[in-house]
Amino acid sequence: MTEKIALTQDDKTFGMLVHLAALVQLVVPTFGNIIGPLVIWLIKKDQSAWVDRQGKEALNFQISIAIYTVASIILIPIIIGIILLIAVGIFWLVMVIVASVQVNDGIDYKYPLCIRIIK
């Protein structure tokens, strides 16, 4: 469900950046997708409830993706893991971009297939 909220441009920008920071994974392959959002969330969470909420959502999704990736790697010997790994990678990239655009528009975005560990 998406809900539009009145926000400052600064809230929208940092909300978007917390999602886009997951793309650090492309530069730092091991857990960069978690480190990027974590750093922005820790810096801005006390200054903006919006960034706090989006940071938690981004971190939960990135942790979920890490779990799905490990499961796919374990399944590589039975071939399905390769297909799952490719699917998880494409899903990850598309969802990060969609979330970033939605959040920058002021929409409270919730990722699909996300395990919400951080409340």
C-alpha atoms as a PDB file:
ATOM      1  CA  MET A   1       0.000   0.000   0.000  1.00  0.00           C
ATOM      2  CA  THR A   2       1.362   3.420  -0.882  1.00  0.00           C
ATOM      3  CA  GLU A   3       0.566   6.593   0.975  1.00  0.00           C
ATOM      4  CA  LYS A   4       1.690  10.118   0.060  1.00  0.00           C
ATOM      5  CA  ILE A   5       2.968  12.196   2.988  1.00  0.00           C
ATOM      6  CA  ALA A   6       3.875  15.926   3.179  1.00  0.00           C
ATOM      7  CA  LEU A   7       7.661  16.075   3.498  1.00  0.00           C
ATOM      8  CA  THR A   8      10.535  18.495   3.097  1.00  0.00           C
ATOM      9  CA  GLN A   9      12.815  18.114   0.085  1.00  0.00           C
ATOM     10  CA  ASP A  10      15.614  17.138   2.487  1.00  0.00           C
ATOM     11  CA  ASP A  11      13.486  14.279   3.864  1.00  0.00           C
ATOM     12  CA  LYS A  12      12.731  13.053   0.353  1.00  0.00           C
ATOM     13  CA  THR A  13      16.363  13.278  -0.734  1.00  0.00           C
ATOM     14  CA  PHE A  14      17.759  11.362   2.219  1.00  0.00           C
ATOM     15  CA  GLY A  15      14.876   8.876   2.059  1.00  0.00           C
ATOM     16  CA  MET A  16      15.818   8.208  -1.549  1.00  0.00           C
ATOM     17  CA  LEU A  17      19.538   8.028  -0.755  1.00  0.00           C
ATOM     18  CA  VAL A  18      19.012   5.436   1.963  1.00  0.00           C
ATOM     19  CA  HIS A  19      17.538   3.146  -0.708  1.00  0.00           C
ATOM     20  CA  LEU A  20      20.067   4.029  -3.416  1.00  0.00           C
ATOM     21  CA  ALA A  21      22.938   3.454  -0.984  1.00  0.00           C
ATOM     22  CA  ALA A  22      22.306  -0.267  -1.455  1.00  0.00           C
ATOM     23  CA  LEU A  23      23.968   0.109  -4.848  1.00  0.00           C
ATOM     24  CA  VAL A  24      27.269   0.275  -2.944  1.00  0.00           C
ATOM     25  CA  GLN A  25      26.973  -3.510  -3.414  1.00  0.00           C
ATOM     26  CA  LEU A  26      28.154  -2.986  -6.990  1.00  0.00           C
ATOM     27  CA  VAL A  27      31.441  -1.518  -5.682  1.00  0.00           C
ATOM     28  CA  VAL A  28      31.837  -3.430  -2.384  1.00  0.00           C
ATOM     29  CA  PRO A  29      30.498  -6.910  -3.239  1.00  0.00           C
ATOM     30  CA  THR A  30      30.377  -8.339   0.284  1.00  0.00           C
ATOM     31  CA  PHE A  31      27.489  -6.811   2.254  1.00  0.00           C
ATOM     32  CA  GLY A  32      27.827  -3.383   0.586  1.00  0.00           C
ATOM     33  CA  ASN A  33      24.077  -3.492   0.094  1.00  0.00           C
ATOM     34  CA  ILE A  34      23.634  -3.450   3.878  1.00  0.00           C
ATOM     35  CA  ILE A  35      26.501  -1.095   4.775  1.00  0.00           C
ATOM     36  CA  GLY A  36      25.342   1.764   2.504  1.00  0.00           C
ATOM     37  CA  PRO A  37      21.788   2.096   3.872  1.00  0.00           C
ATOM     38  CA  LEU A  38      23.003   1.424   7.419  1.00  0.00           C
ATOM     39  CA  VAL A  39      25.432   4.358   7.357  1.00  0.00           C
ATOM     40  CA  ILE A  40      22.847   6.860   6.055  1.00  0.00           C
ATOM     41  CA  TRP A  41      20.158   5.542   8.419  1.00  0.00           C
ATOM     42  CA  LEU A  42      22.444   5.820  11.467  1.00  0.00           C
ATOM     43  CA  ILE A  43      23.408   9.383  10.565  1.00  0.00           C
ATOM     44  CA  LYS A  44      19.898  10.701   9.793  1.00  0.00           C
ATOM     45  CA  LYS A  45      17.452   8.545  11.798  1.00  0.00           C
ATOM     46  CA  ASP A  46      17.236  10.946  14.741  1.00  0.00           C
ATOM     47  CA  GLN A  47      16.750  13.981  12.487  1.00  0.00           C
ATOM     48  CA  SER A  48      13.847  12.696  10.393  1.00  0.00           C
ATOM     49  CA  ALA A  49      11.082  10.197  11.133  1.00  0.00           C
ATOM     50  CA  TRP A  50      10.738   9.686   7.363  1.00  0.00           C
ATOM     51  CA  VAL A  51      14.389   8.722   6.920  1.00  0.00           C
ATOM     52  CA  ASP A  52      14.142   6.522  10.024  1.00  0.00           C
ATOM     53  CA  ARG A  53      11.161   4.643   8.547  1.00  0.00           C
ATOM     54  CA  GLN A  54      12.699   4.366   5.076  1.00  0.00           C
ATOM     55  CA  GLY A  55      16.059   3.336   6.533  1.00  0.00           C
ATOM     56  CA  LYS A  56      14.463   0.479   8.436  1.00  0.00           C
ATOM     57  CA  GLU A  57      12.584  -0.603   5.311  1.00  0.00           C
ATOM     58  CA  ALA A  58      15.734  -0.462   3.178  1.00  0.00           C
ATOM     59  CA  LEU A  59      17.783  -2.389   5.751  1.00  0.00           C
ATOM     60  CA  ASN A  60      15.113  -5.057   6.148  1.00  0.00           C
ATOM     61  CA  PHE A  61      14.974  -5.527   2.379  1.00  0.00           C
ATOM     62  CA  GLN A  62      18.755  -5.696   2.036  1.00  0.00           C
ATOM     63  CA  ILE A  63      19.002  -8.250   4.858  1.00  0.00           C
ATOM     64  CA  SER A  64      16.241 -10.257   3.155  1.00  0.00           C
ATOM     65  CA  ILE A  65      18.135 -10.128  -0.147  1.00  0.00           C
ATOM     66  CA  ALA A  66      21.308 -11.318   1.620  1.00  0.00           C
ATOM     67  CA  ILE A  67      19.361 -14.298   2.998  1.00  0.00           C
ATOM     68  CA  TYR A  68      17.861 -15.083  -0.423  1.00  0.00           C
ATOM     69  CA  THR A  69      21.322 -14.842  -2.007  1.00  0.00           C
ATOM     70  CA  VAL A  70      22.873 -17.255   0.497  1.00  0.00           C
ATOM     71  CA  ALA A  71      19.994 -19.702  -0.057  1.00  0.00           C
ATOM     72  CA  SER A  72      20.505 -19.440  -3.831  1.00  0.00           C
ATOM     73  CA  ILE A  73      24.241 -20.075  -3.479  1.00  0.00           C
ATOM     74  CA  ILE A  74      23.545 -23.170  -1.386  1.00  0.00           C
ATOM     75  CA  LEU A  75      21.263 -24.438  -4.160  1.00  0.00           C
ATOM     76  CA  ILE A  76      23.823 -23.951  -6.967  1.00  0.00           C
ATOM     77  CA  PRO A  77      24.849 -27.640  -7.008  1.00  0.00           C
ATOM     78  CA  ILE A  78      21.325 -28.596  -8.072  1.00  0.00           C
ATOM     79  CA  ILE A  79      21.266 -25.988 -10.884  1.00  0.00           C
ATOM     80  CA  ILE A  80      18.163 -24.142  -9.601  1.00  0.00           C
ATOM     81  CA  GLY A  81      20.497 -21.988  -7.496  1.00  0.00           C
ATOM     82  CA  ILE A  82      21.993 -20.362 -10.588  1.00  0.00           C
ATOM     83  CA  ILE A  83      18.545 -19.380 -11.857  1.00  0.00           C
ATOM     84  CA  LEU A  84      17.513 -18.143  -8.407  1.00  0.00           C
ATOM     85  CA  LEU A  85      20.729 -16.144  -8.029  1.00  0.00           C
ATOM     86  CA  ILE A  86      20.096 -14.351 -11.330  1.00  0.00           C
ATOM     87  CA  ALA A  87      16.434 -13.755 -10.398  1.00  0.00           C
ATOM     88  CA  VAL A  88      17.369 -12.391  -6.957  1.00  0.00           C
ATOM     89  CA  GLY A  89      19.931 -10.037  -8.541  1.00  0.00           C
ATOM     90  CA  ILE A  90      17.463  -8.645 -11.069  1.00  0.00           C
ATOM     91  CA  PHE A  91      14.713  -8.372  -8.431  1.00  0.00           C
ATOM     92  CA  TRP A  92      17.120  -6.542  -6.091  1.00  0.00           C
ATOM     93  CA  LEU A  93      18.173  -3.974  -8.688  1.00  0.00           C
ATOM     94  CA  VAL A  94      14.640  -3.286  -9.937  1.00  0.00           C
ATOM     95  CA  MET A  95      13.170  -2.965  -6.427  1.00  0.00           C
ATOM     96  CA  VAL A  96      15.921  -0.587  -5.240  1.00  0.00           C
ATOM     97  CA  ILE A  97      15.264   1.686  -8.218  1.00  0.00           C
ATOM     98  CA  VAL A  98      11.466   1.518  -7.788  1.00  0.00           C
ATOM     99  CA  ALA A  99      11.736   2.250  -4.048  1.00  0.00           C
ATOM    100  CA  SER A 100      14.086   5.182  -4.642  1.00  0.00           C
ATOM    101  CA  VAL A 101      11.745   6.801  -7.162  1.00  0.00           C
ATOM    102  CA  GLN A 102       8.645   6.224  -5.012  1.00  0.00           C
ATOM    103  CA  VAL A 103      10.271   7.570  -1.838  1.00  0.00           C
ATOM    104  CA  ASN A 104      11.592  10.628  -3.674  1.00  0.00           C
ATOM    105  CA  ASP A 105       7.979  11.297  -4.700  1.00  0.00           C
ATOM    106  CA  GLY A 106       6.953  11.201  -1.011  1.00  0.00           C
ATOM    107  CA  ILE A 107       5.332   7.770  -1.120  1.00  0.00           C
ATOM    108  CA  ASP A 108       5.898   5.495   1.874  1.00  0.00           C
ATOM    109  CA  TYR A 109       7.213   2.482  -0.050  1.00  0.00           C
ATOM    110  CA  LYS A 110       7.105  -1.083   1.294  1.00  0.00           C
ATOM    111  CA  TYR A 111       9.234  -3.712  -0.451  1.00  0.00           C
ATOM    112  CA  PRO A 112       7.563  -6.955  -1.532  1.00  0.00           C
ATOM    113  CA  LEU A 113       9.019 -10.255  -0.199  1.00  0.00           C
ATOM    114  CA  CYS A 114      10.709  -8.385   2.649  1.00  0.00           C
ATOM    115  CA  ILE A 115      11.362  -9.975   6.038  1.00  0.00           C
ATOM    116  CA  ARG A 116      10.847  -7.129   8.516  1.00  0.00           C
ATOM    117  CA  ILE A 117      13.486  -7.849  11.145  1.00  0.00           C
ATOM    118  CA  ILE A 118      14.127  -4.248  12.257  1.00  0.00           C
ATOM    119  CA  LYS A 119      10.931  -2.723  13.662  1.00  0.00           C
END
